[in-house]
Amino acid sequence: MRFLKGFLYAFQGIAYCISHERNMRIHTVALLYVSAFSLFFQLSRVEYAVLFLTFALVMMAEMVNTAIERLCDKTAKEYHPLIKHAKDMAAGAVLVCAVFAVGVAVCLFGDATVYPVIWSWFLSRPWAFVLFLVFSLLSVVYIIAGPPRIRDFLKGKKKRR
């Protein structure tokens, strides 16, 4: 039972980070788009493994950054240069992962001949293009508002001040 509670706590941590960190929501949307569009490329199992590891590293870095920021904010009541450096380094770790993730994407998705195929696929399936546009709009709302505000909006709750 204790073992299963560990998974519950881990999922709660992931949910908290998604709910409270806009950058984590950006990462989750990017993960979904990259996963969907990767289907147009003939990636090998090893290339998919690299892609999944890249997803994991970026999201893990964002969660560790959030944890460090929360701990620093809780322990330091006033400005301290070491706290600033810790928070800056944690944010830098996320940036390093994100920059190298772009490098991985360039390596995996650099075949320019696939992009006209993707465009043709969407043009021949207007329903898919409309679905893509709707998903894009919902993604922007998800990133900006976040799950708690979307939930409150759907339940008709007004924002407290």
N, C-alpha and C. Protein backbone atom coordinates (compact mmCIF):
# COMPACT_ATOMS: atom_id res chain seq x y z
N MET A 1 0.82 -1.19 0.00
CA MET A 1 0.00 0.00 0.00
C MET A 1 0.87 1.26 0.00
N ARG A 2 1.92 1.25 0.78
CA ARG A 2 2.84 2.39 0.84
C ARG A 2 3.48 2.64 -0.53
N PHE A 3 3.78 1.54 -1.22
CA PHE A 3 4.37 1.62 -2.56
C PHE A 3 3.41 2.35 -3.51
N LEU A 4 2.13 2.00 -3.47
CA LEU A 4 1.14 2.63 -4.34
C LEU A 4 0.91 4.09 -3.97
N LYS A 5 1.01 4.42 -2.70
CA LYS A 5 0.87 5.81 -2.27
C LYS A 5 1.97 6.67 -2.88
N GLY A 6 3.15 6.09 -3.04
CA GLY A 6 4.25 6.82 -3.67
C GLY A 6 3.89 7.24 -5.08
N PHE A 7 3.21 6.37 -5.83
CA PHE A 7 2.76 6.72 -7.18
C PHE A 7 1.71 7.83 -7.12
N LEU A 8 0.80 7.73 -6.15
CA LEU A 8 -0.23 8.76 -6.00
C LEU A 8 0.41 10.12 -5.74
N TYR A 9 1.39 10.17 -4.84
CA TYR A 9 2.08 11.43 -4.55
C TYR A 9 2.81 11.96 -5.78
N ALA A 10 3.41 11.06 -6.53
CA ALA A 10 4.12 11.47 -7.75
C ALA A 10 3.15 12.07 -8.77
N PHE A 11 2.00 11.43 -8.96
CA PHE A 11 1.00 11.97 -9.89
C PHE A 11 0.45 13.30 -9.39
N GLN A 12 0.29 13.45 -8.07
CA GLN A 12 -0.15 14.72 -7.52
C GLN A 12 0.89 15.81 -7.80
N GLY A 13 2.17 15.47 -7.72
CA GLY A 13 3.22 16.43 -8.03
C GLY A 13 3.19 16.86 -9.48
N ILE A 14 2.98 15.91 -10.37
CA ILE A 14 2.88 16.23 -11.79
C ILE A 14 1.67 17.13 -12.04
N ALA A 15 0.54 16.77 -11.46
CA ALA A 15 -0.69 17.56 -11.63
C ALA A 15 -0.51 18.97 -11.08
N TYR A 16 0.15 19.09 -9.93
CA TYR A 16 0.39 20.42 -9.35
C TYR A 16 1.23 21.27 -10.30
N CYS A 17 2.27 20.68 -10.84
CA CYS A 17 3.16 21.42 -11.73
C CYS A 17 2.42 21.87 -12.99
N ILE A 18 1.60 20.99 -13.55
CA ILE A 18 0.82 21.36 -14.73
C ILE A 18 -0.18 22.46 -14.39
N SER A 19 -0.82 22.34 -13.24
CA SER A 19 -1.83 23.32 -12.85
C SER A 19 -1.27 24.69 -12.54
N HIS A 20 -0.06 24.74 -12.00
CA HIS A 20 0.48 26.00 -11.49
C HIS A 20 1.62 26.60 -12.31
N GLU A 21 2.12 25.88 -13.29
CA GLU A 21 3.26 26.38 -14.06
C GLU A 21 2.93 26.44 -15.55
N ARG A 22 2.84 27.65 -16.06
CA ARG A 22 2.52 27.85 -17.48
C ARG A 22 3.55 27.16 -18.38
N ASN A 23 4.83 27.23 -18.02
CA ASN A 23 5.85 26.60 -18.86
C ASN A 23 5.66 25.09 -18.94
N MET A 24 5.18 24.48 -17.86
CA MET A 24 4.92 23.03 -17.91
C MET A 24 3.76 22.75 -18.87
N ARG A 25 2.78 23.63 -18.91
CA ARG A 25 1.68 23.45 -19.86
C ARG A 25 2.18 23.62 -21.29
N ILE A 26 3.10 24.54 -21.50
CA ILE A 26 3.70 24.70 -22.83
C ILE A 26 4.43 23.41 -23.21
N HIS A 27 5.16 22.84 -22.28
CA HIS A 27 5.89 21.59 -22.56
C HIS A 27 4.92 20.45 -22.89
N THR A 28 3.80 20.37 -22.16
CA THR A 28 2.86 19.27 -22.43
C THR A 28 2.21 19.43 -23.80
N VAL A 29 1.89 20.67 -24.18
CA VAL A 29 1.30 20.89 -25.51
C VAL A 29 2.34 20.56 -26.59
N ALA A 30 3.57 21.00 -26.39
CA ALA A 30 4.63 20.68 -27.36
C ALA A 30 4.80 19.17 -27.49
N LEU A 31 4.76 18.47 -26.38
CA LEU A 31 4.88 17.01 -26.39
C LEU A 31 3.76 16.40 -27.24
N LEU A 32 2.54 16.87 -27.09
CA LEU A 32 1.42 16.33 -27.87
C LEU A 32 1.58 16.62 -29.35
N TYR A 33 1.94 17.86 -29.70
CA TYR A 33 2.13 18.20 -31.11
C TYR A 33 3.28 17.40 -31.73
N VAL A 34 4.39 17.35 -31.06
CA VAL A 34 5.55 16.63 -31.60
C VAL A 34 5.22 15.15 -31.76
N SER A 35 4.54 14.58 -30.77
CA SER A 35 4.14 13.16 -30.85
C SER A 35 3.24 12.93 -32.06
N ALA A 36 2.26 13.80 -32.24
CA ALA A 36 1.32 13.63 -33.36
C ALA A 36 2.04 13.77 -34.70
N PHE A 37 2.85 14.81 -34.84
CA PHE A 37 3.51 15.04 -36.13
C PHE A 37 4.65 14.05 -36.38
N SER A 38 5.15 13.42 -35.33
CA SER A 38 6.21 12.42 -35.52
C SER A 38 5.71 11.23 -36.34
N LEU A 39 4.39 11.03 -36.35
CA LEU A 39 3.82 9.91 -37.11
C LEU A 39 4.03 10.07 -38.62
N PHE A 40 4.27 11.28 -39.08
CA PHE A 40 4.51 11.52 -40.51
C PHE A 40 5.95 11.18 -40.90
N PHE A 41 6.81 11.02 -39.93
CA PHE A 41 8.22 10.72 -40.19
C PHE A 41 8.46 9.24 -39.95
N GLN A 42 9.39 8.70 -40.66
CA GLN A 42 9.72 7.28 -40.52
C GLN A 42 10.79 7.12 -39.44
N LEU A 43 10.41 7.37 -38.20
CA LEU A 43 11.39 7.29 -37.11
C LEU A 43 11.59 5.84 -36.70
N SER A 44 12.83 5.52 -36.39
CA SER A 44 13.15 4.18 -35.90
C SER A 44 12.79 4.08 -34.42
N ARG A 45 12.88 2.90 -33.89
CA ARG A 45 12.63 2.71 -32.45
C ARG A 45 13.63 3.49 -31.62
N VAL A 46 14.86 3.52 -32.06
CA VAL A 46 15.89 4.27 -31.34
C VAL A 46 15.59 5.77 -31.39
N GLU A 47 15.15 6.26 -32.54
CA GLU A 47 14.82 7.67 -32.65
C GLU A 47 13.63 8.03 -31.75
N TYR A 48 12.64 7.14 -31.69
CA TYR A 48 11.52 7.38 -30.75
C TYR A 48 12.01 7.34 -29.31
N ALA A 49 12.94 6.45 -29.02
CA ALA A 49 13.49 6.40 -27.66
C ALA A 49 14.17 7.72 -27.31
N VAL A 50 14.94 8.26 -28.25
CA VAL A 50 15.59 9.56 -28.03
C VAL A 50 14.54 10.64 -27.83
N LEU A 51 13.49 10.60 -28.63
CA LEU A 51 12.41 11.59 -28.51
C LEU A 51 11.74 11.50 -27.13
N PHE A 52 11.42 10.30 -26.68
CA PHE A 52 10.77 10.12 -25.37
C PHE A 52 11.70 10.54 -24.23
N LEU A 53 12.98 10.22 -24.34
CA LEU A 53 13.93 10.67 -23.32
C LEU A 53 14.04 12.19 -23.29
N THR A 54 13.97 12.80 -24.46
CA THR A 54 14.00 14.26 -24.54
C THR A 54 12.78 14.86 -23.87
N PHE A 55 11.59 14.29 -24.15
CA PHE A 55 10.37 14.74 -23.46
C PHE A 55 10.56 14.64 -21.94
N ALA A 56 11.05 13.50 -21.51
CA ALA A 56 11.20 13.26 -20.06
C ALA A 56 12.17 14.25 -19.44
N LEU A 57 13.29 14.50 -20.10
CA LEU A 57 14.28 15.43 -19.54
C LEU A 57 13.74 16.85 -19.41
N VAL A 58 13.04 17.33 -20.43
CA VAL A 58 12.51 18.69 -20.37
C VAL A 58 11.46 18.80 -19.27
N MET A 59 10.55 17.84 -19.22
CA MET A 59 9.49 17.91 -18.21
C MET A 59 10.04 17.71 -16.80
N MET A 60 11.01 16.82 -16.66
CA MET A 60 11.64 16.61 -15.36
C MET A 60 12.36 17.88 -14.91
N ALA A 61 13.07 18.51 -15.82
CA ALA A 61 13.78 19.74 -15.47
C ALA A 61 12.79 20.81 -15.02
N GLU A 62 11.66 20.91 -15.69
CA GLU A 62 10.64 21.90 -15.30
C GLU A 62 10.09 21.59 -13.91
N MET A 63 9.87 20.32 -13.62
CA MET A 63 9.35 19.95 -12.29
C MET A 63 10.38 20.20 -11.19
N VAL A 64 11.64 19.90 -11.46
CA VAL A 64 12.70 20.16 -10.47
C VAL A 64 12.85 21.67 -10.28
N ASN A 65 12.78 22.42 -11.36
CA ASN A 65 12.85 23.88 -11.27
C ASN A 65 11.72 24.41 -10.38
N THR A 66 10.52 23.92 -10.60
CA THR A 66 9.37 24.35 -9.80
C THR A 66 9.57 23.99 -8.33
N ALA A 67 10.07 22.79 -8.07
CA ALA A 67 10.30 22.37 -6.68
C ALA A 67 11.34 23.27 -6.01
N ILE A 68 12.41 23.56 -6.71
CA ILE A 68 13.45 24.43 -6.15
C ILE A 68 12.90 25.83 -5.90
N GLU A 69 12.14 26.35 -6.86
CA GLU A 69 11.55 27.68 -6.66
C GLU A 69 10.63 27.71 -5.45
N ARG A 70 9.79 26.69 -5.29
CA ARG A 70 8.86 26.65 -4.16
C ARG A 70 9.62 26.57 -2.83
N LEU A 71 10.64 25.73 -2.79
CA LEU A 71 11.43 25.62 -1.55
C LEU A 71 12.15 26.92 -1.23
N CYS A 72 12.73 27.54 -2.24
CA CYS A 72 13.42 28.81 -2.03
C CYS A 72 12.45 29.88 -1.54
N ASP A 73 11.28 29.96 -2.16
CA ASP A 73 10.30 30.97 -1.77
C ASP A 73 9.81 30.74 -0.34
N LYS A 74 9.71 29.48 0.05
CA LYS A 74 9.23 29.17 1.41
C LYS A 74 10.30 29.46 2.46
N THR A 75 11.55 29.19 2.16
CA THR A 75 12.60 29.31 3.18
C THR A 75 13.19 30.70 3.29
N ALA A 76 13.15 31.47 2.20
CA ALA A 76 13.76 32.80 2.22
C ALA A 76 12.67 33.86 2.26
N LYS A 77 12.59 34.55 3.36
CA LYS A 77 11.56 35.59 3.51
C LYS A 77 11.98 36.89 2.82
N GLU A 78 13.28 37.10 2.67
CA GLU A 78 13.75 38.29 1.98
C GLU A 78 14.81 37.87 0.95
N TYR A 79 15.20 38.82 0.13
CA TYR A 79 16.17 38.56 -0.93
C TYR A 79 17.49 38.05 -0.34
N HIS A 80 18.01 37.03 -0.99
CA HIS A 80 19.36 36.55 -0.66
C HIS A 80 20.02 36.13 -1.97
N PRO A 81 21.28 36.55 -2.19
CA PRO A 81 21.92 36.24 -3.48
C PRO A 81 22.05 34.74 -3.75
N LEU A 82 22.24 33.92 -2.72
CA LEU A 82 22.35 32.48 -2.96
C LEU A 82 21.02 31.88 -3.40
N ILE A 83 19.93 32.39 -2.86
CA ILE A 83 18.60 31.93 -3.29
C ILE A 83 18.38 32.33 -4.75
N LYS A 84 18.76 33.54 -5.09
CA LYS A 84 18.64 34.00 -6.47
C LYS A 84 19.44 33.10 -7.41
N HIS A 85 20.67 32.79 -7.01
CA HIS A 85 21.52 31.93 -7.85
C HIS A 85 20.92 30.53 -8.00
N ALA A 86 20.38 29.99 -6.92
CA ALA A 86 19.77 28.65 -6.98
C ALA A 86 18.58 28.65 -7.94
N LYS A 87 17.73 29.67 -7.84
CA LYS A 87 16.57 29.75 -8.72
C LYS A 87 17.00 29.99 -10.17
N ASP A 88 18.01 30.82 -10.38
CA ASP A 88 18.50 31.08 -11.73
C ASP A 88 19.11 29.82 -12.35
N MET A 89 19.85 29.06 -11.55
CA MET A 89 20.45 27.83 -12.08
C MET A 89 19.39 26.79 -12.41
N ALA A 90 18.36 26.70 -11.57
CA ALA A 90 17.27 25.76 -11.86
C ALA A 90 16.57 26.15 -13.16
N ALA A 91 16.31 27.44 -13.34
CA ALA A 91 15.70 27.90 -14.59
C ALA A 91 16.64 27.66 -15.76
N GLY A 92 17.94 27.85 -15.54
CA GLY A 92 18.92 27.59 -16.59
C GLY A 92 18.95 26.13 -17.00
N ALA A 93 18.73 25.23 -16.05
CA ALA A 93 18.68 23.80 -16.37
C ALA A 93 17.54 23.50 -17.32
N VAL A 94 16.40 24.14 -17.10
CA VAL A 94 15.26 23.96 -18.00
C VAL A 94 15.61 24.50 -19.39
N LEU A 95 16.23 25.66 -19.41
CA LEU A 95 16.61 26.26 -20.70
C LEU A 95 17.58 25.37 -21.46
N VAL A 96 18.56 24.81 -20.77
CA VAL A 96 19.52 23.91 -21.42
C VAL A 96 18.78 22.72 -22.03
N CYS A 97 17.89 22.11 -21.26
CA CYS A 97 17.12 20.96 -21.78
C CYS A 97 16.27 21.37 -22.98
N ALA A 98 15.62 22.52 -22.90
CA ALA A 98 14.76 22.96 -24.00
C ALA A 98 15.56 23.25 -25.27
N VAL A 99 16.72 23.89 -25.12
CA VAL A 99 17.56 24.19 -26.28
C VAL A 99 18.04 22.90 -26.94
N PHE A 100 18.48 21.95 -26.13
CA PHE A 100 18.94 20.69 -26.70
C PHE A 100 17.77 19.87 -27.26
N ALA A 101 16.58 20.04 -26.71
CA ALA A 101 15.40 19.39 -27.26
C ALA A 101 15.12 19.90 -28.67
N VAL A 102 15.33 21.19 -28.88
CA VAL A 102 15.20 21.75 -30.23
C VAL A 102 16.24 21.12 -31.15
N GLY A 103 17.45 20.93 -30.64
CA GLY A 103 18.49 20.26 -31.43
C GLY A 103 18.09 18.85 -31.80
N VAL A 104 17.51 18.12 -30.87
CA VAL A 104 17.02 16.77 -31.15
C VAL A 104 15.93 16.84 -32.22
N ALA A 105 15.03 17.81 -32.11
CA ALA A 105 13.95 17.95 -33.09
C ALA A 105 14.51 18.24 -34.48
N VAL A 106 15.52 19.10 -34.56
CA VAL A 106 16.14 19.40 -35.86
C VAL A 106 16.73 18.12 -36.46
N CYS A 107 17.38 17.31 -35.65
CA CYS A 107 17.95 16.05 -36.15
C CYS A 107 16.89 15.06 -36.60
N LEU A 108 15.81 14.94 -35.81
CA LEU A 108 14.78 13.94 -36.13
C LEU A 108 13.81 14.39 -37.21
N PHE A 109 13.54 15.70 -37.27
CA PHE A 109 12.51 16.20 -38.17
C PHE A 109 13.08 17.13 -39.24
N GLY A 110 14.34 16.97 -39.55
CA GLY A 110 15.00 17.85 -40.51
C GLY A 110 14.75 17.51 -41.97
N ASP A 111 14.06 16.42 -42.24
CA ASP A 111 13.78 16.02 -43.62
C ASP A 111 12.68 16.92 -44.20
N ALA A 112 13.08 17.90 -44.98
CA ALA A 112 12.15 18.89 -45.52
C ALA A 112 11.14 18.29 -46.50
N THR A 113 11.42 17.12 -47.03
CA THR A 113 10.48 16.51 -47.99
C THR A 113 9.20 16.04 -47.32
N VAL A 114 9.20 15.89 -46.01
CA VAL A 114 8.02 15.41 -45.29
C VAL A 114 6.99 16.52 -45.10
N TYR A 115 7.43 17.76 -45.01
CA TYR A 115 6.50 18.86 -44.72
C TYR A 115 5.44 19.07 -45.79
N PRO A 116 5.77 18.99 -47.08
CA PRO A 116 4.69 19.06 -48.09
C PRO A 116 3.71 17.88 -47.97
N VAL A 117 4.19 16.73 -47.54
CA VAL A 117 3.32 15.57 -47.34
C VAL A 117 2.33 15.85 -46.21
N ILE A 118 2.81 16.45 -45.14
CA ILE A 118 1.93 16.81 -44.02
C ILE A 118 0.88 17.81 -44.50
N TRP A 119 1.33 18.83 -45.22
CA TRP A 119 0.41 19.86 -45.72
C TRP A 119 -0.65 19.23 -46.63
N SER A 120 -0.23 18.35 -47.53
CA SER A 120 -1.17 17.67 -48.44
C SER A 120 -2.15 16.80 -47.66
N TRP A 121 -1.67 16.15 -46.65
CA TRP A 121 -2.54 15.29 -45.83
C TRP A 121 -3.66 16.12 -45.22
N PHE A 122 -3.32 17.27 -44.66
CA PHE A 122 -4.34 18.14 -44.06
C PHE A 122 -5.27 18.73 -45.12
N LEU A 123 -4.72 19.12 -46.28
CA LEU A 123 -5.56 19.69 -47.34
C LEU A 123 -6.56 18.67 -47.88
N SER A 124 -6.18 17.41 -47.91
CA SER A 124 -7.09 16.37 -48.42
C SER A 124 -8.09 15.91 -47.36
N ARG A 125 -7.92 16.36 -46.14
CA ARG A 125 -8.83 16.01 -45.04
C ARG A 125 -9.23 17.28 -44.28
N PRO A 126 -10.17 18.03 -44.82
CA PRO A 126 -10.55 19.29 -44.17
C PRO A 126 -10.98 19.12 -42.71
N TRP A 127 -11.61 18.00 -42.40
CA TRP A 127 -12.01 17.74 -41.02
C TRP A 127 -10.80 17.71 -40.10
N ALA A 128 -9.69 17.15 -40.58
CA ALA A 128 -8.47 17.08 -39.76
C ALA A 128 -7.87 18.47 -39.58
N PHE A 129 -7.95 19.28 -40.61
CA PHE A 129 -7.44 20.65 -40.50
C PHE A 129 -8.27 21.45 -39.50
N VAL A 130 -9.59 21.31 -39.55
CA VAL A 130 -10.47 21.98 -38.59
C VAL A 130 -10.18 21.47 -37.18
N LEU A 131 -10.01 20.17 -37.04
CA LEU A 131 -9.68 19.59 -35.73
C LEU A 131 -8.35 20.14 -35.21
N PHE A 132 -7.39 20.28 -36.10
CA PHE A 132 -6.09 20.86 -35.73
C PHE A 132 -6.27 22.30 -35.24
N LEU A 133 -7.07 23.09 -35.94
CA LEU A 133 -7.31 24.48 -35.54
C LEU A 133 -8.03 24.56 -34.19
N VAL A 134 -9.02 23.69 -33.99
CA VAL A 134 -9.74 23.67 -32.71
C VAL A 134 -8.78 23.27 -31.59
N PHE A 135 -7.99 22.24 -31.83
CA PHE A 135 -7.03 21.80 -30.82
C PHE A 135 -6.02 22.92 -30.53
N SER A 136 -5.61 23.65 -31.55
CA SER A 136 -4.67 24.75 -31.35
C SER A 136 -5.28 25.84 -30.47
N LEU A 137 -6.53 26.18 -30.73
CA LEU A 137 -7.21 27.18 -29.91
C LEU A 137 -7.35 26.69 -28.47
N LEU A 138 -7.77 25.45 -28.30
CA LEU A 138 -7.89 24.89 -26.95
C LEU A 138 -6.53 24.83 -26.24
N SER A 139 -5.48 24.59 -27.00
CA SER A 139 -4.13 24.55 -26.42
C SER A 139 -3.74 25.92 -25.88
N VAL A 140 -4.07 26.97 -26.62
CA VAL A 140 -3.76 28.33 -26.16
C VAL A 140 -4.52 28.63 -24.87
N VAL A 141 -5.79 28.27 -24.83
CA VAL A 141 -6.59 28.49 -23.62
C VAL A 141 -6.00 27.69 -22.46
N TYR A 142 -5.65 26.44 -22.69
CA TYR A 142 -5.05 25.58 -21.67
C TYR A 142 -3.75 26.18 -21.14
N ILE A 143 -2.92 26.68 -22.03
CA ILE A 143 -1.63 27.25 -21.61
C ILE A 143 -1.85 28.52 -20.80
N ILE A 144 -2.70 29.40 -21.29
CA ILE A 144 -2.89 30.70 -20.63
C ILE A 144 -3.68 30.57 -19.33
N ALA A 145 -4.80 29.87 -19.37
CA ALA A 145 -5.69 29.80 -18.21
C ALA A 145 -5.27 28.73 -17.22
N GLY A 146 -4.87 27.58 -17.70
CA GLY A 146 -4.51 26.48 -16.82
C GLY A 146 -5.73 25.70 -16.36
N PRO A 147 -5.54 24.46 -15.98
CA PRO A 147 -6.67 23.60 -15.58
C PRO A 147 -7.56 24.15 -14.47
N PRO A 148 -7.02 24.76 -13.40
CA PRO A 148 -7.93 25.25 -12.35
C PRO A 148 -8.90 26.33 -12.84
N ARG A 149 -8.40 27.27 -13.63
CA ARG A 149 -9.28 28.34 -14.12
C ARG A 149 -10.27 27.82 -15.15
N ILE A 150 -9.86 26.85 -15.96
CA ILE A 150 -10.79 26.24 -16.92
C ILE A 150 -11.89 25.51 -16.16
N ARG A 151 -11.50 24.73 -15.15
CA ARG A 151 -12.48 24.00 -14.34
C ARG A 151 -13.46 24.96 -13.69
N ASP A 152 -12.94 26.04 -13.09
CA ASP A 152 -13.81 27.01 -12.44
C ASP A 152 -14.75 27.68 -13.44
N PHE A 153 -14.25 27.97 -14.63
CA PHE A 153 -15.08 28.58 -15.67
C PHE A 153 -16.21 27.62 -16.06
N LEU A 154 -15.87 26.36 -16.25
CA LEU A 154 -16.87 25.37 -16.65
C LEU A 154 -17.92 25.14 -15.56
N LYS A 155 -17.51 25.29 -14.31
CA LYS A 155 -18.45 25.14 -13.19
C LYS A 155 -19.21 26.42 -12.90
N GLY A 156 -18.85 27.50 -13.59
CA GLY A 156 -19.54 28.77 -13.40
C GLY A 156 -19.08 29.56 -12.19
N LYS A 157 -17.92 29.22 -11.64
CA LYS A 157 -17.40 29.95 -10.48
C LYS A 157 -16.76 31.25 -10.94
N LYS A 158 -16.93 32.28 -10.14
CA LYS A 158 -16.29 33.56 -10.42
C LYS A 158 -14.95 33.61 -9.74
N LYS A 159 -14.03 34.33 -10.38
CA LYS A 159 -12.68 34.48 -9.84
C LYS A 159 -12.71 35.32 -8.57
N ARG A 160 -12.07 34.80 -7.52
CA ARG A 160 -11.98 35.53 -6.25
C ARG A 160 -10.85 36.52 -6.33
N ARG A 161 -11.02 37.64 -5.62
CA ARG A 161 -9.96 38.65 -5.60
C ARG A 161 -9.38 38.76 -4.23
